[in-house]
PDB file of N, CA and C in Angstrom:
ATOM      1  N   MET A   1     -41.178-156.320   6.559  1.00  0.00           N
ATOM      2  CA  MET A   1     -40.924-155.052   7.207  1.00  0.00           C
ATOM      3  C   MET A   1     -39.886-155.253   8.308  1.00  0.00           C
ATOM      4  N   PHE A   2     -39.010-154.265   8.454  1.00  0.00           N
ATOM      5  CA  PHE A   2     -37.955-154.336   9.458  1.00  0.00           C
ATOM      6  C   PHE A   2     -38.550-154.190  10.851  1.00  0.00           C
ATOM      7  N   THR A   3     -38.131-155.053  11.776  1.00  0.00           N
ATOM      8  CA  THR A   3     -38.680-155.015  13.134  1.00  0.00           C
ATOM      9  C   THR A   3     -37.601-154.887  14.204  1.00  0.00           C
ATOM     10  N   GLY A   4     -36.373-154.558  13.788  1.00  0.00           N
ATOM     11  CA  GLY A   4     -35.281-154.436  14.747  1.00  0.00           C
ATOM     12  C   GLY A   4     -35.238-153.066  15.401  1.00  0.00           C
ATOM     13  N   THR A   5     -34.134-152.821  16.074  1.00  0.00           N
ATOM     14  CA  THR A   5     -33.947-151.559  16.773  1.00  0.00           C
ATOM     15  C   THR A   5     -33.499-150.470  15.803  1.00  0.00           C
ATOM     16  N   PRO A   6     -33.634-149.210  16.199  1.00  0.00           N
ATOM     17  CA  PRO A   6     -33.144-148.115  15.349  1.00  0.00           C
ATOM     18  C   PRO A   6     -31.640-148.233  15.055  1.00  0.00           C
ATOM     19  N   GLU A   7     -30.872-148.700  16.027  1.00  0.00           N
ATOM     20  CA  GLU A   7     -29.434-148.886  15.823  1.00  0.00           C
ATOM     21  C   GLU A   7     -29.157-149.944  14.756  1.00  0.00           C
ATOM     22  N   GLU A   8     -29.908-151.051  14.811  1.00  0.00           N
ATOM     23  CA  GLU A   8     -29.752-152.106  13.801  1.00  0.00           C
ATOM     24  C   GLU A   8     -30.121-151.577  12.420  1.00  0.00           C
ATOM     25  N   LEU A   9     -31.173-150.781  12.353  1.00  0.00           N
ATOM     26  CA  LEU A   9     -31.601-150.206  11.080  1.00  0.00           C
ATOM     27  C   LEU A   9     -30.509-149.305  10.502  1.00  0.00           C
ATOM     28  N   ARG A  10     -29.919-148.451  11.321  1.00  0.00           N
ATOM     29  CA  ARG A  10     -28.842-147.576  10.846  1.00  0.00           C
ATOM     30  C   ARG A  10     -27.641-148.379  10.368  1.00  0.00           C
ATOM     31  N   ARG A  11     -27.316-149.454  11.097  1.00  0.00           N
ATOM     32  CA  ARG A  11     -26.190-150.309  10.691  1.00  0.00           C
ATOM     33  C   ARG A  11     -26.464-150.958   9.344  1.00  0.00           C
ATOM     34  N   LEU A  12     -27.674-151.490   9.162  1.00  0.00           N
ATOM     35  CA  LEU A  12     -28.034-152.127   7.895  1.00  0.00           C
ATOM     36  C   LEU A  12     -28.086-151.115   6.754  1.00  0.00           C
ATOM     37  N   GLU A  13     -28.592-149.925   7.031  1.00  0.00           N
ATOM     38  CA  GLU A  13     -28.619-148.879   6.001  1.00  0.00           C
ATOM     39  C   GLU A  13     -27.209-148.494   5.584  1.00  0.00           C
ATOM     40  N   SER A  14     -26.308-148.422   6.545  1.00  0.00           N
ATOM     41  CA  SER A  14     -24.912-148.094   6.250  1.00  0.00           C
ATOM     42  C   SER A  14     -24.270-149.179   5.397  1.00  0.00           C
ATOM     43  N   GLN A  15     -24.506-150.444   5.755  1.00  0.00           N
ATOM     44  CA  GLN A  15     -23.970-151.562   4.969  1.00  0.00           C
ATOM     45  C   GLN A  15     -24.532-151.543   3.556  1.00  0.00           C
ATOM     46  N   ALA A  16     -25.830-151.293   3.426  1.00  0.00           N
ATOM     47  CA  ALA A  16     -26.468-151.261   2.105  1.00  0.00           C
ATOM     48  C   ALA A  16     -25.891-150.124   1.263  1.00  0.00           C
ATOM     49  N   ALA A  17     -25.644-148.966   1.875  1.00  0.00           N
ATOM     50  CA  ALA A  17     -25.077-147.835   1.146  1.00  0.00           C
ATOM     51  C   ALA A  17     -23.661-148.156   0.666  1.00  0.00           C
ATOM     52  N   GLU A  18     -22.873-148.826   1.500  1.00  0.00           N
ATOM     53  CA  GLU A  18     -21.513-149.216   1.097  1.00  0.00           C
ATOM     54  C   GLU A  18     -21.556-150.178  -0.090  1.00  0.00           C
ATOM     55  N   LEU A  19     -22.447-151.157  -0.039  1.00  0.00           N
ATOM     56  CA  LEU A  19     -22.585-152.098  -1.150  1.00  0.00           C
ATOM     57  C   LEU A  19     -23.087-151.387  -2.405  1.00  0.00           C
ATOM     58  N   GLY A  20     -24.030-150.467  -2.247  1.00  0.00           N
ATOM     59  CA  GLY A  20     -24.524-149.702  -3.387  1.00  0.00           C
ATOM     60  C   GLY A  20     -23.415-148.904  -4.055  1.00  0.00           C
ATOM     61  N   ALA A  21     -22.528-148.335  -3.252  1.00  0.00           N
ATOM     62  CA  ALA A  21     -21.400-147.585  -3.808  1.00  0.00           C
ATOM     63  C   ALA A  21     -20.476-148.503  -4.600  1.00  0.00           C
ATOM     64  N   LYS A  22     -20.272-149.716  -4.105  1.00  0.00           N
ATOM     65  CA  LYS A  22     -19.433-150.680  -4.831  1.00  0.00           C
ATOM     66  C   LYS A  22     -20.080-151.082  -6.153  1.00  0.00           C
ATOM     67  N   VAL A  23     -21.395-151.291  -6.148  1.00  0.00           N
ATOM     68  CA  VAL A  23     -22.107-151.637  -7.381  1.00  0.00           C
ATOM     69  C   VAL A  23     -21.986-150.498  -8.386  1.00  0.00           C
ATOM     70  N   ALA A  24     -22.184-149.261  -7.927  1.00  0.00           N
ATOM     71  CA  ALA A  24     -22.065-148.108  -8.820  1.00  0.00           C
ATOM     72  C   ALA A  24     -20.660-148.022  -9.405  1.00  0.00           C
ATOM     73  N   ASP A  25     -19.639-148.267  -8.584  1.00  0.00           N
ATOM     74  CA  ASP A  25     -18.264-148.243  -9.069  1.00  0.00           C
ATOM     75  C   ASP A  25     -18.040-149.325 -10.128  1.00  0.00           C
ATOM     76  N   LEU A  26     -18.551-150.524  -9.891  1.00  0.00           N
ATOM     77  CA  LEU A  26     -18.399-151.599 -10.875  1.00  0.00           C
ATOM     78  C   LEU A  26     -19.112-151.265 -12.184  1.00  0.00           C
ATOM     79  N   LEU A  27     -20.302-150.697 -12.115  1.00  0.00           N
ATOM     80  CA  LEU A  27     -21.021-150.307 -13.330  1.00  0.00           C
ATOM     81  C   LEU A  27     -20.241-149.247 -14.100  1.00  0.00           C
ATOM     82  N   ASN A  28     -19.667-148.267 -13.391  1.00  0.00           N
ATOM     83  CA  ASN A  28     -18.848-147.251 -14.051  1.00  0.00           C
ATOM     84  C   ASN A  28     -17.616-147.867 -14.700  1.00  0.00           C
ATOM     85  N   ARG A  29     -17.006-148.840 -14.049  1.00  0.00           N
ATOM     86  CA  ARG A  29     -15.832-149.510 -14.617  1.00  0.00           C
ATOM     87  C   ARG A  29     -16.208-150.293 -15.869  1.00  0.00           C
ATOM     88  N   MET A  30     -17.392-150.928 -15.858  1.00  0.00           N
ATOM     89  CA  MET A  30     -17.845-151.653 -17.044  1.00  0.00           C
ATOM     90  C   MET A  30     -18.095-150.687 -18.191  1.00  0.00           C
ATOM     91  N   GLU A  31     -18.745-149.567 -17.918  1.00  0.00           N
ATOM     92  CA  GLU A  31     -18.989-148.555 -18.952  1.00  0.00           C
ATOM     93  C   GLU A  31     -17.673-148.035 -19.511  1.00  0.00           C
ATOM     94  N   ALA A  32     -16.664-147.890 -18.671  1.00  0.00           N
ATOM     95  CA  ALA A  32     -15.369-147.362 -19.095  1.00  0.00           C
ATOM     96  C   ALA A  32     -14.645-148.293 -20.065  1.00  0.00           C
ATOM     97  N   LEU A  33     -15.028-149.570 -20.092  1.00  0.00           N
ATOM     98  CA  LEU A  33     -14.411-150.508 -21.034  1.00  0.00           C
ATOM     99  C   LEU A  33     -14.768-150.167 -22.476  1.00  0.00           C
ATOM    100  N   LYS A  34     -15.852-149.439 -22.673  1.00  0.00           N
ATOM    101  CA  LYS A  34     -16.329-149.045 -24.008  1.00  0.00           C
ATOM    102  C   LYS A  34     -16.532-150.247 -24.922  1.00  0.00           C
ATOM    103  N   ALA A  35     -16.951-151.355 -24.316  1.00  0.00           N
ATOM    104  CA  ALA A  35     -17.175-152.583 -25.081  1.00  0.00           C
ATOM    105  C   ALA A  35     -18.647-152.772 -25.403  1.00  0.00           C
ATOM    106  N   GLY A  36     -19.421-151.752 -25.252  1.00  0.00           N
ATOM    107  CA  GLY A  36     -20.858-151.849 -25.460  1.00  0.00           C
ATOM    108  C   GLY A  36     -21.565-151.276 -24.254  1.00  0.00           C
ATOM    109  N   SER A  37     -22.783-150.881 -24.447  1.00  0.00           N
ATOM    110  CA  SER A  37     -23.489-150.234 -23.349  1.00  0.00           C
ATOM    111  C   SER A  37     -24.130-151.251 -22.421  1.00  0.00           C
ATOM    112  N   LEU A  38     -24.348-150.815 -21.202  1.00  0.00           N
ATOM    113  CA  LEU A  38     -25.105-151.605 -20.238  1.00  0.00           C
ATOM    114  C   LEU A  38     -26.572-151.264 -20.408  1.00  0.00           C
ATOM    115  N   MET A  39     -27.409-152.280 -20.350  1.00  0.00           N
ATOM    116  CA  MET A  39     -28.849-152.063 -20.389  1.00  0.00           C
ATOM    117  C   MET A  39     -29.399-152.637 -19.094  1.00  0.00           C
ATOM    118  N   ILE A  40     -30.041-151.776 -18.322  1.00  0.00           N
ATOM    119  CA  ILE A  40     -30.537-152.177 -17.014  1.00  0.00           C
ATOM    120  C   ILE A  40     -32.053-152.112 -17.040  1.00  0.00           C
ATOM    121  N   GLY A  41     -32.675-153.233 -16.738  1.00  0.00           N
ATOM    122  CA  GLY A  41     -34.127-153.309 -16.716  1.00  0.00           C
ATOM    123  C   GLY A  41     -34.603-153.997 -15.457  1.00  0.00           C
ATOM    124  N   MET A  42     -35.857-154.271 -15.414  1.00  0.00           N
ATOM    125  CA  MET A  42     -36.466-154.886 -14.239  1.00  0.00           C
ATOM    126  C   MET A  42     -35.852-156.250 -13.957  1.00  0.00           C
ATOM    127  N   GLY A  43     -35.061-156.351 -12.900  1.00  0.00           N
ATOM    128  CA  GLY A  43     -34.473-157.620 -12.505  1.00  0.00           C
ATOM    129  C   GLY A  43     -33.428-158.153 -13.464  1.00  0.00           C
ATOM    130  N   ARG A  44     -32.780-157.241 -14.232  1.00  0.00           N
ATOM    131  CA  ARG A  44     -31.864-157.708 -15.263  1.00  0.00           C
ATOM    132  C   ARG A  44     -30.845-156.627 -15.621  1.00  0.00           C
ATOM    133  N   ILE A  45     -29.592-157.018 -15.804  1.00  0.00           N
ATOM    134  CA  ILE A  45     -28.551-156.129 -16.302  1.00  0.00           C
ATOM    135  C   ILE A  45     -27.887-156.844 -17.467  1.00  0.00           C
ATOM    136  N   ASN A  46     -27.977-156.250 -18.656  1.00  0.00           N
ATOM    137  CA  ASN A  46     -27.346-156.816 -19.853  1.00  0.00           C
ATOM    138  C   ASN A  46     -26.092-156.014 -20.158  1.00  0.00           C
ATOM    139  N   GLY A  47     -25.000-156.726 -20.391  1.00  0.00           N
ATOM    140  CA  GLY A  47     -23.757-156.083 -20.763  1.00  0.00           C
ATOM    141  C   GLY A  47     -23.109-156.835 -21.905  1.00  0.00           C
ATOM    142  N   PHE A  48     -21.960-156.361 -22.315  1.00  0.00           N
ATOM    143  CA  PHE A  48     -21.228-156.982 -23.414  1.00  0.00           C
ATOM    144  C   PHE A  48     -20.707-158.351 -22.975  1.00  0.00           C
ATOM    145  N   GLY A  49     -21.359-159.414 -23.403  1.00  0.00           N
ATOM    146  CA  GLY A  49     -20.926-160.771 -23.087  1.00  0.00           C
ATOM    147  C   GLY A  49     -21.492-161.362 -21.814  1.00  0.00           C
ATOM    148  N   PHE A  50     -22.451-160.694 -21.192  1.00  0.00           N
ATOM    149  CA  PHE A  50     -23.031-161.257 -19.971  1.00  0.00           C
ATOM    150  C   PHE A  50     -24.438-160.719 -19.728  1.00  0.00           C
ATOM    151  N   VAL A  51     -25.162-161.462 -18.908  1.00  0.00           N
ATOM    152  CA  VAL A  51     -26.466-161.031 -18.403  1.00  0.00           C
ATOM    153  C   VAL A  51     -26.506-161.392 -16.926  1.00  0.00           C
ATOM    154  N   ILE A  52     -26.867-160.426 -16.106  1.00  0.00           N
ATOM    155  CA  ILE A  52     -27.093-160.691 -14.681  1.00  0.00           C
ATOM    156  C   ILE A  52     -28.600-160.603 -14.482  1.00  0.00           C
ATOM    157  N   HIS A  53     -29.169-161.618 -13.881  1.00  0.00           N
ATOM    158  CA  HIS A  53     -30.621-161.582 -13.691  1.00  0.00           C
ATOM    159  C   HIS A  53     -31.000-162.107 -12.322  1.00  0.00           C
ATOM    160  N   ARG A  54     -32.198-161.749 -11.925  1.00  0.00           N
ATOM    161  CA  ARG A  54     -32.717-162.149 -10.618  1.00  0.00           C
ATOM    162  C   ARG A  54     -33.597-163.375 -10.780  1.00  0.00           C
ATOM    163  N   ARG A  55     -33.293-164.363  -9.981  1.00  0.00           N
ATOM    164  CA  ARG A  55     -34.134-165.574  -9.922  1.00  0.00           C
ATOM    165  C   ARG A  55     -34.475-165.815  -8.465  1.00  0.00           C
ATOM    166  N   GLY A  56     -35.721-165.662  -8.143  1.00  0.00           N
ATOM    167  CA  GLY A  56     -36.131-165.810  -6.757  1.00  0.00           C
ATOM    168  C   GLY A  56     -35.511-164.713  -5.902  1.00  0.00           C
ATOM    169  N   ASN A  57     -34.742-165.105  -4.905  1.00  0.00           N
ATOM    170  CA  ASN A  57     -34.122-164.141  -3.996  1.00  0.00           C
ATOM    171  C   ASN A  57     -32.641-163.962  -4.256  1.00  0.00           C
ATOM    172  N   ALA A  58     -32.152-164.350  -5.425  1.00  0.00           N
ATOM    173  CA  ALA A  58     -30.726-164.271  -5.705  1.00  0.00           C
ATOM    174  C   ALA A  58     -30.462-163.737  -7.105  1.00  0.00           C
ATOM    175  N   TRP A  59     -29.285-163.171  -7.291  1.00  0.00           N
ATOM    176  CA  TRP A  59     -28.828-162.713  -8.604  1.00  0.00           C
ATOM    177  C   TRP A  59     -27.836-163.730  -9.144  1.00  0.00           C
ATOM    178  N   SER A  60     -27.848-163.935 -10.470  1.00  0.00           N
ATOM    179  CA  SER A  60     -26.895-164.875 -11.067  1.00  0.00           C
ATOM    180  C   SER A  60     -26.414-164.321 -12.395  1.00  0.00           C
ATOM    181  N   LEU A  61     -25.298-164.846 -12.833  1.00  0.00           N
ATOM    182  CA  LEU A  61     -24.648-164.394 -14.054  1.00  0.00           C
ATOM    183  C   LEU A  61     -24.743-165.457 -15.124  1.00  0.00           C
ATOM    184  N   GLU A  62     -25.066-165.034 -16.346  1.00  0.00           N
ATOM    185  CA  GLU A  62     -25.012-165.899 -17.531  1.00  0.00           C
ATOM    186  C   GLU A  62     -23.995-165.299 -18.477  1.00  0.00           C
ATOM    187  N   ARG A  63     -23.223-166.152 -19.113  1.00  0.00           N
ATOM    188  CA  ARG A  63     -22.265-165.685 -20.119  1.00  0.00           C
ATOM    189  C   ARG A  63     -22.709-166.144 -21.474  1.00  0.00           C
TER     190      ARG A  63
END
């Protein structure tokens, strides 16, 4: 649970929203390639020629 100040929380929320927008843009760009659909599941994103998955506290890419 977050235990910082309200200002710190707003700053972190803003940073998270910016990163989320970048992720959404990248997903849209991948879909635009029309090389196959993206399949997004629990802790996993499957795409044409790759899999991104969560291991512990990090995400990694497999080709």
